[in-house]
PDB file of N, CA and C in Angstrom:
ATOM      1  N   UNK A   1       0.874  -1.139  -0.055  1.00  0.00           N
ATOM      2  CA  UNK A   1       0.075  -0.063   0.024  1.00  0.00           C
ATOM      3  C   UNK A   1       0.912   1.211  -0.102  1.00  0.00           C
ATOM      4  N   UNK A   2       0.621   2.174  -0.945  1.00  0.00           N
ATOM      5  CA  UNK A   2       1.481   3.356  -1.170  1.00  0.00           C
ATOM      6  C   UNK A   2       0.948   4.240   0.039  1.00  0.00           C
ATOM      7  N   UNK A   3       2.101   4.848   0.670  1.00  0.00           N
ATOM      8  CA  UNK A   3       1.806   5.875   1.733  1.00  0.00           C
ATOM      9  C   UNK A   3       2.617   7.209   1.224  1.00  0.00           C
ATOM     10  N   UNK A   4       1.878   8.212   1.544  1.00  0.00           N
ATOM     11  CA  UNK A   4       2.413   9.580   1.250  1.00  0.00           C
ATOM     12  C   UNK A   4       2.326  10.387   2.415  1.00  0.00           C
ATOM     13  N   UNK A   5       3.345  11.277   2.759  1.00  0.00           N
ATOM     14  CA  UNK A   5       3.457  12.068   3.967  1.00  0.00           C
ATOM     15  C   UNK A   5       4.031  13.383   3.741  1.00  0.00           C
ATOM     16  N   UNK A   6       3.340  14.443   4.212  1.00  0.00           N
ATOM     17  CA  UNK A   6       3.897  15.680   4.143  1.00  0.00           C
ATOM     18  C   UNK A   6       4.676  16.181   5.388  1.00  0.00           C
ATOM     19  N   UNK A   7       5.549  17.133   5.244  1.00  0.00           N
ATOM     20  CA  UNK A   7       6.326  17.753   6.382  1.00  0.00           C
ATOM     21  C   UNK A   7       6.616  19.182   6.001  1.00  0.00           C
ATOM     22  N   UNK A   8       7.009  19.870   7.042  1.00  0.00           N
ATOM     23  CA  UNK A   8       7.518  21.266   6.937  1.00  0.00           C
ATOM     24  C   UNK A   8       6.429  22.393   7.254  1.00  0.00           C
ATOM     25  N   UNK A   9       5.242  22.006   7.622  1.00  0.00           N
ATOM     26  CA  UNK A   9       4.252  23.032   7.954  1.00  0.00           C
ATOM     27  C   UNK A   9       4.561  23.710   9.262  1.00  0.00           C
ATOM     28  N   UNK A  10       3.738  24.662   9.576  1.00  0.00           N
ATOM     29  CA  UNK A  10       3.969  25.315  10.945  1.00  0.00           C
ATOM     30  C   UNK A  10       3.527  26.840  10.809  1.00  0.00           C
ATOM     31  N   UNK A  11       3.890  27.635  11.841  1.00  0.00           N
ATOM     32  CA  UNK A  11       3.513  28.770  12.040  1.00  0.00           C
ATOM     33  C   UNK A  11       4.595  29.917  11.383  1.00  0.00           C
ATOM     34  N   UNK A  12       4.155  30.763  10.466  1.00  0.00           N
ATOM     35  CA  UNK A  12       5.038  31.479   9.797  1.00  0.00           C
ATOM     36  C   UNK A  12       4.579  32.997   9.871  1.00  0.00           C
ATOM     37  N   UNK A  13       5.441  33.898   9.880  1.00  0.00           N
ATOM     38  CA  UNK A  13       5.069  35.325   9.903  1.00  0.00           C
ATOM     39  C   UNK A  13       4.717  35.815   8.402  1.00  0.00           C
ATOM     40  N   UNK A  14       3.888  36.816   8.278  1.00  0.00           N
ATOM     41  CA  UNK A  14       3.668  37.312   6.949  1.00  0.00           C
ATOM     42  C   UNK A  14       5.022  37.797   6.287  1.00  0.00           C
ATOM     43  N   UNK A  15       5.098  37.528   4.997  1.00  0.00           N
ATOM     44  CA  UNK A  15       6.346  37.859   4.200  1.00  0.00           C
ATOM     45  C   UNK A  15       7.395  36.711   4.369  1.00  0.00           C
ATOM     46  N   UNK A  16       7.176  35.854   5.113  1.00  0.00           N
ATOM     47  CA  UNK A  16       8.223  34.683   5.328  1.00  0.00           C
ATOM     48  C   UNK A  16       8.108  33.782   4.230  1.00  0.00           C
ATOM     49  N   UNK A  17       9.102  32.672   4.270  1.00  0.00           N
ATOM     50  CA  UNK A  17       8.963  31.576   3.233  1.00  0.00           C
ATOM     51  C   UNK A  17       8.974  30.244   4.016  1.00  0.00           C
ATOM     52  N   UNK A  18       8.648  29.331   3.190  1.00  0.00           N
ATOM     53  CA  UNK A  18       8.489  27.947   3.790  1.00  0.00           C
ATOM     54  C   UNK A  18       8.638  27.049   2.674  1.00  0.00           C
ATOM     55  N   UNK A  19       9.192  25.712   3.003  1.00  0.00           N
ATOM     56  CA  UNK A  19       9.382  24.646   2.044  1.00  0.00           C
ATOM     57  C   UNK A  19       8.680  23.506   2.712  1.00  0.00           C
ATOM     58  N   UNK A  20       7.694  22.960   1.822  1.00  0.00           N
ATOM     59  CA  UNK A  20       7.034  21.769   2.413  1.00  0.00           C
ATOM     60  C   UNK A  20       7.649  20.618   1.422  1.00  0.00           C
ATOM     61  N   UNK A  21       7.588  19.414   2.201  1.00  0.00           N
ATOM     62  CA  UNK A  21       8.331  18.257   1.386  1.00  0.00           C
ATOM     63  C   UNK A  21       7.232  17.170   1.380  1.00  0.00           C
ATOM     64  N   UNK A  22       7.258  16.318   0.497  1.00  0.00           N
ATOM     65  CA  UNK A  22       6.380  15.168   0.416  1.00  0.00           C
ATOM     66  C   UNK A  22       7.162  13.944   0.099  1.00  0.00           C
ATOM     67  N   UNK A  23       7.157  12.970   1.122  1.00  0.00           N
ATOM     68  CA  UNK A  23       7.840  11.710   0.941  1.00  0.00           C
ATOM     69  C   UNK A  23       6.875  10.651   0.668  1.00  0.00           C
ATOM     70  N   UNK A  24       7.227   9.589  -0.134  1.00  0.00           N
ATOM     71  CA  UNK A  24       6.359   8.523  -0.341  1.00  0.00           C
ATOM     72  C   UNK A  24       7.036   7.204   0.009  1.00  0.00           C
ATOM     73  N   UNK A  25       6.298   6.238   0.126  1.00  0.00           N
ATOM     74  CA  UNK A  25       6.916   4.985   0.379  1.00  0.00           C
ATOM     75  C   UNK A  25       7.465   4.205  -0.680  1.00  0.00           C
ATOM     76  N   UNK A  26       7.392   4.847  -1.813  1.00  0.00           N
ATOM     77  CA  UNK A  26       8.216   4.335  -2.940  1.00  0.00           C
ATOM     78  C   UNK A  26       8.928   5.428  -3.621  1.00  0.00           C
ATOM     79  N   UNK A  27       9.932   5.155  -4.372  1.00  0.00           N
ATOM     80  CA  UNK A  27      10.633   6.187  -5.028  1.00  0.00           C
ATOM     81  C   UNK A  27       9.691   7.105  -5.895  1.00  0.00           C
ATOM     82  N   UNK A  28       9.783   8.344  -5.762  1.00  0.00           N
ATOM     83  CA  UNK A  28       8.764   9.200  -6.477  1.00  0.00           C
ATOM     84  C   UNK A  28       8.884   9.136  -7.967  1.00  0.00           C
ATOM     85  N   UNK A  29       9.950   8.571  -8.574  1.00  0.00           N
ATOM     86  CA  UNK A  29       9.984   8.456  -9.858  1.00  0.00           C
ATOM     87  C   UNK A  29       9.031   7.436 -10.494  1.00  0.00           C
ATOM     88  N   UNK A  30       8.535   6.632  -9.597  1.00  0.00           N
ATOM     89  CA  UNK A  30       7.475   5.615  -9.964  1.00  0.00           C
ATOM     90  C   UNK A  30       6.057   6.247 -10.100  1.00  0.00           C
ATOM     91  N   UNK A  31       5.939   7.464  -9.656  1.00  0.00           N
ATOM     92  CA  UNK A  31       4.667   8.151  -9.773  1.00  0.00           C
ATOM     93  C   UNK A  31       4.501   8.950 -11.055  1.00  0.00           C
ATOM     94  N   UNK A  32       3.294   8.870 -11.599  1.00  0.00           N
ATOM     95  CA  UNK A  32       3.207   9.705 -12.887  1.00  0.00           C
ATOM     96  C   UNK A  32       3.088  11.218 -12.538  1.00  0.00           C
ATOM     97  N   UNK A  33       2.354  11.481 -11.465  1.00  0.00           N
ATOM     98  CA  UNK A  33       2.223  12.848 -11.099  1.00  0.00           C
ATOM     99  C   UNK A  33       2.403  12.971  -9.702  1.00  0.00           C
ATOM    100  N   UNK A  34       3.005  13.970  -9.191  1.00  0.00           N
ATOM    101  CA  UNK A  34       2.842  14.460  -7.772  1.00  0.00           C
ATOM    102  C   UNK A  34       2.450  15.812  -7.758  1.00  0.00           C
ATOM    103  N   UNK A  35       1.536  16.144  -6.754  1.00  0.00           N
ATOM    104  CA  UNK A  35       0.935  17.522  -6.653  1.00  0.00           C
ATOM    105  C   UNK A  35       0.829  18.016  -5.287  1.00  0.00           C
ATOM    106  N   UNK A  36       0.613  19.228  -5.135  1.00  0.00           N
ATOM    107  CA  UNK A  36       0.253  19.792  -3.896  1.00  0.00           C
ATOM    108  C   UNK A  36      -1.023  20.543  -3.980  1.00  0.00           C
ATOM    109  N   UNK A  37      -1.913  20.270  -3.010  1.00  0.00           N
ATOM    110  CA  UNK A  37      -3.181  20.969  -3.061  1.00  0.00           C
ATOM    111  C   UNK A  37      -3.265  21.645  -1.701  1.00  0.00           C
ATOM    112  N   UNK A  38      -4.251  22.669  -1.602  1.00  0.00           N
ATOM    113  CA  UNK A  38      -4.452  23.196  -0.246  1.00  0.00           C
ATOM    114  C   UNK A  38      -5.935  23.330   0.022  1.00  0.00           C
ATOM    115  N   UNK A  39      -6.214  23.383   1.222  1.00  0.00           N
ATOM    116  CA  UNK A  39      -7.606  23.529   1.636  1.00  0.00           C
ATOM    117  C   UNK A  39      -7.793  24.420   2.792  1.00  0.00           C
ATOM    118  N   UNK A  40      -8.446  25.578   2.617  1.00  0.00           N
ATOM    119  CA  UNK A  40      -8.788  26.522   3.621  1.00  0.00           C
ATOM    120  C   UNK A  40     -10.089  26.046   4.344  1.00  0.00           C
ATOM    121  N   UNK A  41     -10.074  26.303   5.614  1.00  0.00           N
ATOM    122  CA  UNK A  41     -11.185  25.769   6.487  1.00  0.00           C
ATOM    123  C   UNK A  41     -12.646  26.258   5.684  1.00  0.00           C
ATOM    124  N   UNK A  42     -13.467  25.400   5.475  1.00  0.00           N
ATOM    125  CA  UNK A  42     -14.863  25.782   4.930  1.00  0.00           C
ATOM    126  C   UNK A  42     -14.920  25.809   3.449  1.00  0.00           C
ATOM    127  N   UNK A  43     -13.715  25.492   2.820  1.00  0.00           N
ATOM    128  CA  UNK A  43     -13.700  25.683   1.305  1.00  0.00           C
ATOM    129  C   UNK A  43     -13.279  24.254   0.698  1.00  0.00           C
ATOM    130  N   UNK A  44     -13.279  24.145  -0.647  1.00  0.00           N
ATOM    131  CA  UNK A  44     -12.911  22.927  -1.200  1.00  0.00           C
ATOM    132  C   UNK A  44     -11.413  22.933  -1.430  1.00  0.00           C
ATOM    133  N   UNK A  45     -10.860  21.716  -1.566  1.00  0.00           N
ATOM    134  CA  UNK A  45      -9.548  21.532  -1.749  1.00  0.00           C
ATOM    135  C   UNK A  45      -9.141  22.027  -3.160  1.00  0.00           C
ATOM    136  N   UNK A  46      -8.056  22.851  -3.339  1.00  0.00           N
ATOM    137  CA  UNK A  46      -7.553  23.421  -4.680  1.00  0.00           C
ATOM    138  C   UNK A  46      -6.199  23.034  -4.900  1.00  0.00           C
ATOM    139  N   UNK A  47      -5.936  22.906  -6.290  1.00  0.00           N
ATOM    140  CA  UNK A  47      -4.693  22.587  -6.767  1.00  0.00           C
ATOM    141  C   UNK A  47      -3.729  23.907  -6.453  1.00  0.00           C
ATOM    142  N   UNK A  48      -2.573  23.650  -5.992  1.00  0.00           N
ATOM    143  CA  UNK A  48      -1.525  24.577  -5.935  1.00  0.00           C
ATOM    144  C   UNK A  48      -0.564  24.310  -7.119  1.00  0.00           C
ATOM    145  N   UNK A  49       0.002  23.201  -7.270  1.00  0.00           N
ATOM    146  CA  UNK A  49       0.939  22.923  -8.378  1.00  0.00           C
ATOM    147  C   UNK A  49       1.061  21.382  -8.533  1.00  0.00           C
ATOM    148  N   UNK A  50       1.439  20.970  -9.636  1.00  0.00           N
ATOM    149  CA  UNK A  50       1.824  19.551  -9.812  1.00  0.00           C
ATOM    150  C   UNK A  50       3.062  19.450 -10.739  1.00  0.00           C
ATOM    151  N   UNK A  51       3.704  18.312 -10.611  1.00  0.00           N
ATOM    152  CA  UNK A  51       4.811  17.948 -11.447  1.00  0.00           C
ATOM    153  C   UNK A  51       4.881  16.559 -11.895  1.00  0.00           C
ATOM    154  N   UNK A  52       5.136  16.382 -13.223  1.00  0.00           N
ATOM    155  CA  UNK A  52       5.100  14.968 -13.774  1.00  0.00           C
ATOM    156  C   UNK A  52       6.355  14.305 -13.623  1.00  0.00           C
ATOM    157  N   UNK A  53       6.392  13.018 -13.909  1.00  0.00           N
ATOM    158  CA  UNK A  53       7.685  12.122 -13.725  1.00  0.00           C
ATOM    159  C   UNK A  53       8.739  12.803 -14.612  1.00  0.00           C
ATOM    160  N   UNK A  54       8.364  13.507 -15.664  1.00  0.00           N
ATOM    161  CA  UNK A  54       9.350  14.036 -16.590  1.00  0.00           C
ATOM    162  C   UNK A  54       9.723  15.439 -16.182  1.00  0.00           C
ATOM    163  N   UNK A  55       9.223  15.898 -15.046  1.00  0.00           N
ATOM    164  CA  UNK A  55       9.632  17.296 -14.554  1.00  0.00           C
ATOM    165  C   UNK A  55       8.760  18.415 -15.083  1.00  0.00           C
ATOM    166  N   UNK A  56       7.743  18.160 -15.906  1.00  0.00           N
ATOM    167  CA  UNK A  56       6.889  19.264 -16.304  1.00  0.00           C
ATOM    168  C   UNK A  56       5.938  19.691 -15.177  1.00  0.00           C
ATOM    169  N   UNK A  57       5.968  20.997 -15.006  1.00  0.00           N
ATOM    170  CA  UNK A  57       5.191  21.541 -13.936  1.00  0.00           C
ATOM    171  C   UNK A  57       3.970  22.289 -14.512  1.00  0.00           C
ATOM    172  N   UNK A  58       3.008  22.392 -13.455  1.00  0.00           N
ATOM    173  CA  UNK A  58       1.732  23.116 -13.827  1.00  0.00           C
ATOM    174  C   UNK A  58       1.258  23.767 -12.461  1.00  0.00           C
ATOM    175  N   UNK A  59       0.650  25.022 -12.638  1.00  0.00           N
ATOM    176  CA  UNK A  59       0.318  25.658 -11.394  1.00  0.00           C
ATOM    177  C   UNK A  59      -1.251  25.994 -11.437  1.00  0.00           C
ATOM    178  N   UNK A  60      -1.836  26.081 -10.273  1.00  0.00           N
ATOM    179  CA  UNK A  60      -3.240  26.349 -10.120  1.00  0.00           C
ATOM    180  C   UNK A  60      -3.272  27.799 -10.511  1.00  0.00           C
ATOM    181  N   UNK A  61      -4.646  28.467 -10.609  1.00  0.00           N
ATOM    182  CA  UNK A  61      -4.802  29.799 -10.874  1.00  0.00           C
ATOM    183  C   UNK A  61      -4.209  30.676  -9.843  1.00  0.00           C
ATOM    184  N   UNK A  62      -3.556  31.662 -10.259  1.00  0.00           N
ATOM    185  CA  UNK A  62      -2.877  32.620  -9.355  1.00  0.00           C
ATOM    186  C   UNK A  62      -1.793  32.092  -8.324  1.00  0.00           C
ATOM    187  N   UNK A  63      -1.326  30.819  -8.747  1.00  0.00           N
ATOM    188  CA  UNK A  63      -0.293  30.175  -7.917  1.00  0.00           C
ATOM    189  C   UNK A  63       1.031  30.372  -8.342  1.00  0.00           C
ATOM    190  N   UNK A  64       1.307  30.748  -9.602  1.00  0.00           N
ATOM    191  CA  UNK A  64       2.662  30.631 -10.180  1.00  0.00           C
ATOM    192  C   UNK A  64       3.732  31.647  -9.571  1.00  0.00           C
ATOM    193  N   UNK A  65       3.308  32.803  -9.167  1.00  0.00           N
ATOM    194  CA  UNK A  65       4.241  33.798  -8.807  1.00  0.00           C
ATOM    195  C   UNK A  65       4.989  33.410  -7.403  1.00  0.00           C
ATOM    196  N   UNK A  66       4.294  33.013  -6.506  1.00  0.00           N
ATOM    197  CA  UNK A  66       4.953  32.848  -5.170  1.00  0.00           C
ATOM    198  C   UNK A  66       5.234  31.302  -4.861  1.00  0.00           C
ATOM    199  N   UNK A  67       4.674  30.391  -5.738  1.00  0.00           N
ATOM    200  CA  UNK A  67       4.790  28.974  -5.357  1.00  0.00           C
ATOM    201  C   UNK A  67       5.677  28.164  -6.409  1.00  0.00           C
ATOM    202  N   UNK A  68       6.568  27.345  -5.969  1.00  0.00           N
ATOM    203  CA  UNK A  68       7.428  26.666  -6.839  1.00  0.00           C
ATOM    204  C   UNK A  68       7.470  25.175  -6.378  1.00  0.00           C
ATOM    205  N   UNK A  69       7.047  24.294  -7.351  1.00  0.00           N
ATOM    206  CA  UNK A  69       7.092  23.006  -6.967  1.00  0.00           C
ATOM    207  C   UNK A  69       8.461  22.351  -7.781  1.00  0.00           C
ATOM    208  N   UNK A  70       9.153  21.562  -6.999  1.00  0.00           N
ATOM    209  CA  UNK A  70      10.256  20.884  -7.566  1.00  0.00           C
ATOM    210  C   UNK A  70      10.576  19.488  -6.861  1.00  0.00           C
ATOM    211  N   UNK A  71      11.439  18.679  -7.506  1.00  0.00           N
ATOM    212  CA  UNK A  71      11.873  17.474  -6.888  1.00  0.00           C
ATOM    213  C   UNK A  71      13.184  17.684  -6.282  1.00  0.00           C
ATOM    214  N   UNK A  72      13.276  17.135  -5.119  1.00  0.00           N
ATOM    215  CA  UNK A  72      14.556  17.274  -4.250  1.00  0.00           C
ATOM    216  C   UNK A  72      14.852  16.024  -3.535  1.00  0.00           C
ATOM    217  N   UNK A  73      15.952  16.022  -2.837  1.00  0.00           N
ATOM    218  CA  UNK A  73      16.341  14.871  -2.099  1.00  0.00           C
ATOM    219  C   UNK A  73      16.372  15.303  -0.594  1.00  0.00           C
ATOM    220  N   UNK A  74      15.887  14.351   0.368  1.00  0.00           N
ATOM    221  CA  UNK A  74      16.044  14.693   1.738  1.00  0.00           C
ATOM    222  C   UNK A  74      17.631  14.518   2.111  1.00  0.00           C
ATOM    223  N   UNK A  75      18.196  15.517   2.687  1.00  0.00           N
ATOM    224  CA  UNK A  75      19.570  15.524   2.974  1.00  0.00           C
ATOM    225  C   UNK A  75      20.066  14.420   3.760  1.00  0.00           C
ATOM    226  N   UNK A  76      19.320  13.891   4.752  1.00  0.00           N
ATOM    227  CA  UNK A  76      19.838  12.922   5.621  1.00  0.00           C
ATOM    228  C   UNK A  76      19.979  11.584   4.826  1.00  0.00           C
ATOM    229  N   UNK A  77      19.119  11.182   4.117  1.00  0.00           N
ATOM    230  CA  UNK A  77      19.180   9.861   3.445  1.00  0.00           C
ATOM    231  C   UNK A  77      19.108   9.795   1.942  1.00  0.00           C
ATOM    232  N   UNK A  78      19.173  10.931   1.341  1.00  0.00           N
ATOM    233  CA  UNK A  78      19.078  11.086  -0.092  1.00  0.00           C
ATOM    234  C   UNK A  78      17.790  10.555  -0.643  1.00  0.00           C
ATOM    235  N   UNK A  79      16.799  10.516   0.178  1.00  0.00           N
ATOM    236  CA  UNK A  79      15.406  10.064  -0.373  1.00  0.00           C
ATOM    237  C   UNK A  79      14.821  11.270  -1.253  1.00  0.00           C
ATOM    238  N   UNK A  80      14.385  10.951  -2.528  1.00  0.00           N
ATOM    239  CA  UNK A  80      13.766  11.999  -3.180  1.00  0.00           C
ATOM    240  C   UNK A  80      12.367  12.376  -2.646  1.00  0.00           C
ATOM    241  N   UNK A  81      12.095  13.675  -2.855  1.00  0.00           N
ATOM    242  CA  UNK A  81      10.850  14.308  -2.399  1.00  0.00           C
ATOM    243  C   UNK A  81      10.249  15.248  -3.430  1.00  0.00           C
ATOM    244  N   UNK A  82       9.086  15.475  -3.350  1.00  0.00           N
ATOM    245  CA  UNK A  82       8.393  16.428  -4.181  1.00  0.00           C
ATOM    246  C   UNK A  82       8.156  17.685  -3.240  1.00  0.00           C
ATOM    247  N   UNK A  83       8.846  18.734  -3.463  1.00  0.00           N
ATOM    248  CA  UNK A  83       8.675  19.902  -2.523  1.00  0.00           C
ATOM    249  C   UNK A  83       8.020  21.026  -2.985  1.00  0.00           C
ATOM    250  N   UNK A  84       7.518  21.880  -2.197  1.00  0.00           N
ATOM    251  CA  UNK A  84       6.696  23.103  -2.626  1.00  0.00           C
ATOM    252  C   UNK A  84       7.478  24.231  -1.846  1.00  0.00           C
ATOM    253  N   UNK A  85       7.840  25.155  -2.514  1.00  0.00           N
ATOM    254  CA  UNK A  85       8.462  26.422  -1.851  1.00  0.00           C
ATOM    255  C   UNK A  85       7.338  27.453  -2.033  1.00  0.00           C
ATOM    256  N   UNK A  86       7.126  28.153  -0.909  1.00  0.00           N
ATOM    257  CA  UNK A  86       6.257  29.222  -0.850  1.00  0.00           C
ATOM    258  C   UNK A  86       6.958  30.490  -0.251  1.00  0.00           C
ATOM    259  N   UNK A  87       6.921  31.505  -1.187  1.00  0.00           N
ATOM    260  CA  UNK A  87       7.476  32.785  -0.804  1.00  0.00           C
ATOM    261  C   UNK A  87       6.500  33.849  -0.589  1.00  0.00           C
ATOM    262  N   UNK A  88       6.929  34.884   0.275  1.00  0.00           N
ATOM    263  CA  UNK A  88       5.958  35.989   0.607  1.00  0.00           C
ATOM    264  C   UNK A  88       4.661  35.516   1.108  1.00  0.00           C
ATOM    265  N   UNK A  89       4.781  34.765   2.133  1.00  0.00           N
ATOM    266  CA  UNK A  89       3.417  34.147   2.720  1.00  0.00           C
ATOM    267  C   UNK A  89       2.576  35.232   3.157  1.00  0.00           C
ATOM    268  N   UNK A  90       1.293  34.962   2.942  1.00  0.00           N
ATOM    269  CA  UNK A  90       0.216  35.923   3.413  1.00  0.00           C
ATOM    270  C   UNK A  90      -0.708  35.249   4.316  1.00  0.00           C
ATOM    271  N   UNK A  91      -1.503  35.921   5.013  1.00  0.00           N
ATOM    272  CA  UNK A  91      -2.398  35.224   5.924  1.00  0.00           C
ATOM    273  C   UNK A  91      -3.413  34.422   5.296  1.00  0.00           C
ATOM    274  N   UNK A  92      -3.765  34.814   3.984  1.00  0.00           N
ATOM    275  CA  UNK A  92      -4.811  33.991   3.239  1.00  0.00           C
ATOM    276  C   UNK A  92      -4.233  32.720   2.651  1.00  0.00           C
ATOM    277  N   UNK A  93      -2.868  32.433   2.818  1.00  0.00           N
ATOM    278  CA  UNK A  93      -2.265  31.161   2.607  1.00  0.00           C
ATOM    279  C   UNK A  93      -2.459  30.212   3.570  1.00  0.00           C
ATOM    280  N   UNK A  94      -2.956  30.631   4.691  1.00  0.00           N
ATOM    281  CA  UNK A  94      -3.266  29.610   5.921  1.00  0.00           C
ATOM    282  C   UNK A  94      -4.208  28.581   5.318  1.00  0.00           C
ATOM    283  N   UNK A  95      -3.651  27.317   5.550  1.00  0.00           N
ATOM    284  CA  UNK A  95      -4.482  26.209   4.984  1.00  0.00           C
ATOM    285  C   UNK A  95      -3.841  24.959   5.396  1.00  0.00           C
ATOM    286  N   UNK A  96      -4.477  23.857   5.098  1.00  0.00           N
ATOM    287  CA  UNK A  96      -3.924  22.507   5.204  1.00  0.00           C
ATOM    288  C   UNK A  96      -3.398  22.195   3.824  1.00  0.00           C
ATOM    289  N   UNK A  97      -2.061  21.885   3.738  1.00  0.00           N
ATOM    290  CA  UNK A  97      -1.459  21.608   2.443  1.00  0.00           C
ATOM    291  C   UNK A  97      -1.261  20.102   2.338  1.00  0.00           C
ATOM    292  N   UNK A  98      -1.848  19.543   1.166  1.00  0.00           N
ATOM    293  CA  UNK A  98      -1.828  18.091   1.016  1.00  0.00           C
ATOM    294  C   UNK A  98      -0.975  17.710  -0.301  1.00  0.00           C
ATOM    295  N   UNK A  99      -0.306  16.639  -0.089  1.00  0.00           N
ATOM    296  CA  UNK A  99       0.533  15.954  -1.121  1.00  0.00           C
ATOM    297  C   UNK A  99      -0.354  14.891  -1.785  1.00  0.00           C
ATOM    298  N   UNK A 100      -0.363  14.878  -3.174  1.00  0.00           N
ATOM    299  CA  UNK A 100      -1.061  13.837  -3.801  1.00  0.00           C
ATOM    300  C   UNK A 100      -0.052  13.194  -4.808  1.00  0.00           C
ATOM    301  N   UNK A 101      -0.265  11.807  -5.012  1.00  0.00           N
ATOM    302  CA  UNK A 101       0.534  11.123  -6.005  1.00  0.00           C
ATOM    303  C   UNK A 101      -0.363  10.197  -6.890  1.00  0.00           C
ATOM    304  N   UNK A 102      -0.068  10.103  -8.089  1.00  0.00           N
ATOM    305  CA  UNK A 102      -0.833   9.187  -8.830  1.00  0.00           C
ATOM    306  C   UNK A 102       0.129   8.218  -9.583  1.00  0.00           C
ATOM    307  N   UNK A 103      -0.414   6.848  -9.548  1.00  0.00           N
ATOM    308  CA  UNK A 103       0.256   5.863 -10.171  1.00  0.00           C
ATOM    309  C   UNK A 103      -0.628   4.724 -10.631  1.00  0.00           C
ATOM    310  N   UNK A 104      -0.632   4.273 -11.884  1.00  0.00           N
ATOM    311  CA  UNK A 104      -1.450   3.121 -12.264  1.00  0.00           C
ATOM    312  C   UNK A 104      -2.900   3.383 -12.073  1.00  0.00           C
ATOM    313  N   UNK A 105      -3.316   4.609 -12.345  1.00  0.00           N
ATOM    314  CA  UNK A 105      -4.728   4.887 -12.224  1.00  0.00           C
ATOM    315  C   UNK A 105      -5.233   5.129 -10.831  1.00  0.00           C
ATOM    316  N   UNK A 106      -4.304   5.093  -9.884  1.00  0.00           N
ATOM    317  CA  UNK A 106      -4.795   5.315  -8.462  1.00  0.00           C
ATOM    318  C   UNK A 106      -4.135   6.686  -8.086  1.00  0.00           C
ATOM    319  N   UNK A 107      -4.935   7.153  -6.997  1.00  0.00           N
ATOM    320  CA  UNK A 107      -4.477   8.434  -6.433  1.00  0.00           C
ATOM    321  C   UNK A 107      -4.222   8.133  -4.827  1.00  0.00           C
ATOM    322  N   UNK A 108      -3.081   8.657  -4.403  1.00  0.00           N
ATOM    323  CA  UNK A 108      -2.733   8.572  -2.971  1.00  0.00           C
ATOM    324  C   UNK A 108      -2.528   9.950  -2.412  1.00  0.00           C
ATOM    325  N   UNK A 109      -3.242  10.117  -1.262  1.00  0.00           N
ATOM    326  CA  UNK A 109      -3.240  11.465  -0.436  1.00  0.00           C
ATOM    327  C   UNK A 109      -2.439  11.235   0.751  1.00  0.00           C
ATOM    328  N   UNK A 110      -1.736  12.299   1.108  1.00  0.00           N
ATOM    329  CA  UNK A 110      -1.042  12.361   2.400  1.00  0.00           C
ATOM    330  C   UNK A 110      -2.112  12.994   3.477  1.00  0.00           C
ATOM    331  N   UNK A 111      -1.838  12.913   4.744  1.00  0.00           N
ATOM    332  CA  UNK A 111      -2.749  13.445   5.716  1.00  0.00           C
ATOM    333  C   UNK A 111      -2.859  14.893   5.812  1.00  0.00           C
ATOM    334  N   UNK A 112      -1.784  15.686   5.179  1.00  0.00           N
ATOM    335  CA  UNK A 112      -1.867  17.003   5.199  1.00  0.00           C
ATOM    336  C   UNK A 112      -0.972  17.631   6.263  1.00  0.00           C
ATOM    337  N   UNK A 113      -0.485  18.891   6.068  1.00  0.00           N
ATOM    338  CA  UNK A 113       0.335  19.620   6.992  1.00  0.00           C
ATOM    339  C   UNK A 113      -0.255  21.016   7.092  1.00  0.00           C
ATOM    340  N   UNK A 114      -0.493  21.403   8.309  1.00  0.00           N
ATOM    341  CA  UNK A 114      -0.993  22.803   8.516  1.00  0.00           C
ATOM    342  C   UNK A 114       0.006  23.892   8.344  1.00  0.00           C
ATOM    343  N   UNK A 115      -0.347  24.861   7.510  1.00  0.00           N
ATOM    344  CA  UNK A 115       0.481  26.075   7.530  1.00  0.00           C
ATOM    345  C   UNK A 115      -0.375  27.310   8.023  1.00  0.00           C
ATOM    346  N   UNK A 116       0.120  28.000   8.978  1.00  0.00           N
ATOM    347  CA  UNK A 116      -0.508  29.124   9.533  1.00  0.00           C
ATOM    348  C   UNK A 116       0.300  30.428   9.320  1.00  0.00           C
ATOM    349  N   UNK A 117      -0.201  31.405   8.670  1.00  0.00           N
ATOM    350  CA  UNK A 117       0.508  32.598   8.506  1.00  0.00           C
ATOM    351  C   UNK A 117      -0.143  33.690   9.320  1.00  0.00           C
ATOM    352  N   UNK A 118       0.673  34.116  10.323  1.00  0.00           N
ATOM    353  CA  UNK A 118       0.113  35.125  11.336  1.00  0.00           C
ATOM    354  C   UNK A 118       1.396  35.793  12.018  1.00  0.00           C
ATOM    355  N   UNK A 119       1.135  36.997  12.298  1.00  0.00           N
ATOM    356  CA  UNK A 119       2.079  37.770  13.121  1.00  0.00           C
ATOM    357  C   UNK A 119       1.791  37.684  14.633  1.00  0.00           C
TER     358      UNK A 119
END
C-alpha cells in the first residue's frame, strides 16, 4: 500500500518563506504525477501545483508567482521528495496543504500539513 506524507508546515510570519516536503513509501520516480493541494477551512481543496515524472510543472490559478514545485532529496538519506516552496507568505495562505501522487490509475493522498501565516 502506497503511503504519502507531508512535512514542513507550521506557523510563519507574513512575508516569510516555507518549504514543504512530500515523501512517499516508493521512489517518487514511480509516480506519474505528484501534486500539492491546499484546503482553507470551509472551502474545497484546490490545486497549488503539480509535477510530472518528466519534470513538467503546472500551477493552479494565481499560484505561479509565489509557489514553486520541484523534486529534491532529503539531505539525511538522499530520499527523493516532491517539494513546494512558498515565498512572501500571506495570511490567506493559511490552509492545510496536501500532497497527492498518482500511479497506475490510483491516487494517493497524504494526511496534510497545517500552514498558518500570522504575526
